[in-house]
Structure formats: structure tokens, C-alpha cells
């Protein structure tokens, strides 16, 4: 109840993204889609050899989980750099070891 009260007071003067650093939560009805926001730890620009599409490969820290995402460069708003935050919807493949 105290946490709700503190957050409610802060929301009067701040936006949600200044309060929430990272999040990782299911998106929609499918079990492999997630909405995420996390800090960029590393970023590389790549080219898909099969399609010629320019990609950003980013290592993210999201709720103390570290994983890589690949995003087409034309889908990214702004310039991804280390220390900035990435927000998007991802299709999660593979395994997470806790």
C-alpha cells in the first residue's frame, strides 16, 4: 500500500519512464512475445547477408537478465548507444537460465 501511495504521488509530476528503469512482461495472448525496456550494455551494427538488411545487435540488461536482441535499423527510433534504454516488443527464442 505504501509503494502504491509513493508511485501515485510521483506520477503527478513525473512520467512512468522516469520512475520505471526496466521491465520484462508478457505481451498479448502468445507465450513467446514480450514487451521489454532495458539498458543497452553493448551495440553492434550488422548486415544480414541473406537479405542485405541493416541490423542492430544489442546486449540488454532487463530486470537483471542479460540477453541479446537483433532489431532492423529502420525500426529503431534514435541512435542506440551504450547506457541508453531500449524499449520494444520482442519475440523471445531460446532459454533463460536463472
Protein backbone atom coordinates (compact mmCIF):
# COMPACT_ATOMS: atom_id res chain seq x y z
CA UNK A 1 0.00 0.00 0.00
CA UNK A 2 2.90 2.37 0.80
CA UNK A 3 4.53 1.64 -2.54
CA UNK A 4 1.28 2.41 -4.38
CA UNK A 5 0.99 5.69 -2.48
CA UNK A 6 4.59 6.70 -3.32
CA UNK A 7 4.16 5.86 -7.00
CA UNK A 8 0.85 7.72 -7.21
CA UNK A 9 2.43 10.86 -5.76
CA UNK A 10 5.37 10.69 -8.18
CA UNK A 11 3.10 10.17 -11.19
CA UNK A 12 1.52 13.55 -10.55
CA UNK A 13 4.80 15.27 -11.52
CA UNK A 14 6.78 12.63 -13.46
CA UNK A 15 6.14 10.27 -16.34
CA UNK A 16 6.20 6.48 -15.97
CA UNK A 17 9.56 6.03 -17.75
CA UNK A 18 11.37 8.25 -15.24
CA UNK A 19 10.10 6.02 -12.42
CA UNK A 20 10.50 2.57 -14.06
CA UNK A 21 14.07 1.68 -15.12
CA UNK A 22 13.41 -1.70 -16.74
CA UNK A 23 10.59 -4.14 -17.30
CA UNK A 24 10.01 -7.55 -18.86
CA UNK A 25 6.40 -8.64 -19.22
CA UNK A 26 4.27 -10.85 -21.49
CA UNK A 27 2.72 -9.12 -24.48
CA UNK A 28 -0.63 -10.28 -25.80
CA UNK A 29 -2.03 -13.79 -25.73
CA UNK A 30 1.02 -15.55 -27.15
CA UNK A 31 3.56 -17.07 -24.77
CA UNK A 32 6.70 -16.03 -26.70
CA UNK A 33 6.04 -12.30 -27.15
CA UNK A 34 7.32 -9.86 -24.51
CA UNK A 35 7.31 -6.12 -24.00
CA UNK A 36 10.69 -5.04 -22.63
CA UNK A 37 12.65 -1.99 -21.62
CA UNK A 38 16.26 -2.22 -20.55
CA UNK A 39 19.67 -0.60 -20.55
CA UNK A 40 21.89 -1.10 -23.59
CA UNK A 41 25.17 -2.71 -22.50
CA UNK A 42 26.67 -3.19 -25.98
CA UNK A 43 25.61 -2.43 -29.53
CA UNK A 44 26.92 -3.54 -32.94
CA UNK A 45 25.70 -2.69 -36.39
CA UNK A 46 25.40 -5.76 -38.62
CA UNK A 47 24.24 -6.62 -42.13
CA UNK A 48 22.08 -9.68 -42.78
CA UNK A 49 23.99 -11.43 -45.57
CA UNK A 50 20.86 -13.16 -46.88
CA UNK A 51 18.63 -10.07 -47.16
CA UNK A 52 21.06 -7.14 -47.05
CA UNK A 53 19.05 -5.58 -44.20
CA UNK A 54 20.99 -3.41 -41.72
CA UNK A 55 20.51 -4.60 -38.09
CA UNK A 56 21.44 -3.51 -34.60
CA UNK A 57 22.59 -6.32 -32.34
CA UNK A 58 22.21 -5.12 -28.76
CA UNK A 59 23.03 -6.67 -25.42
CA UNK A 60 20.44 -5.55 -22.87
CA UNK A 61 20.14 -5.60 -19.09
CA UNK A 62 16.45 -6.08 -18.34
CA UNK A 63 15.42 -6.74 -14.71
CA UNK A 64 18.90 -8.13 -14.02
CA UNK A 65 18.65 -10.53 -17.01
CA UNK A 66 21.20 -10.07 -19.79
CA UNK A 67 20.35 -11.10 -23.33
CA UNK A 68 20.86 -10.08 -26.97
CA UNK A 69 18.28 -8.73 -29.39
CA UNK A 70 18.57 -8.07 -33.11
CA UNK A 71 16.44 -5.23 -34.48
CA UNK A 72 16.22 -3.93 -38.05
CA UNK A 73 17.88 -0.49 -38.07
CA UNK A 74 14.92 1.14 -39.82
CA UNK A 75 12.63 0.03 -36.93
CA UNK A 76 14.73 1.78 -34.26
CA UNK A 77 13.90 5.34 -33.23
CA UNK A 78 17.01 7.34 -32.46
CA UNK A 79 20.57 6.08 -32.27
CA UNK A 80 21.19 3.15 -29.89
CA UNK A 81 24.22 3.73 -27.67
CA UNK A 82 25.65 2.15 -24.53
CA UNK A 83 23.91 3.49 -21.43
CA UNK A 84 20.69 4.41 -23.20
CA UNK A 85 17.48 2.43 -22.81
CA UNK A 86 15.79 0.27 -25.43
CA UNK A 87 12.03 -0.22 -25.39
CA UNK A 88 10.23 -2.62 -27.69
CA UNK A 89 8.26 -5.78 -28.25
CA UNK A 90 10.32 -8.91 -28.86
CA UNK A 91 9.79 -12.50 -29.91
CA UNK A 92 11.78 -14.48 -27.35
CA UNK A 93 13.62 -17.54 -28.61
CA UNK A 94 15.95 -19.80 -26.66
CA UNK A 95 16.41 -20.31 -22.95
CA UNK A 96 16.94 -18.14 -19.90
CA UNK A 97 18.98 -19.68 -17.08
CA UNK A 98 18.18 -18.17 -13.70
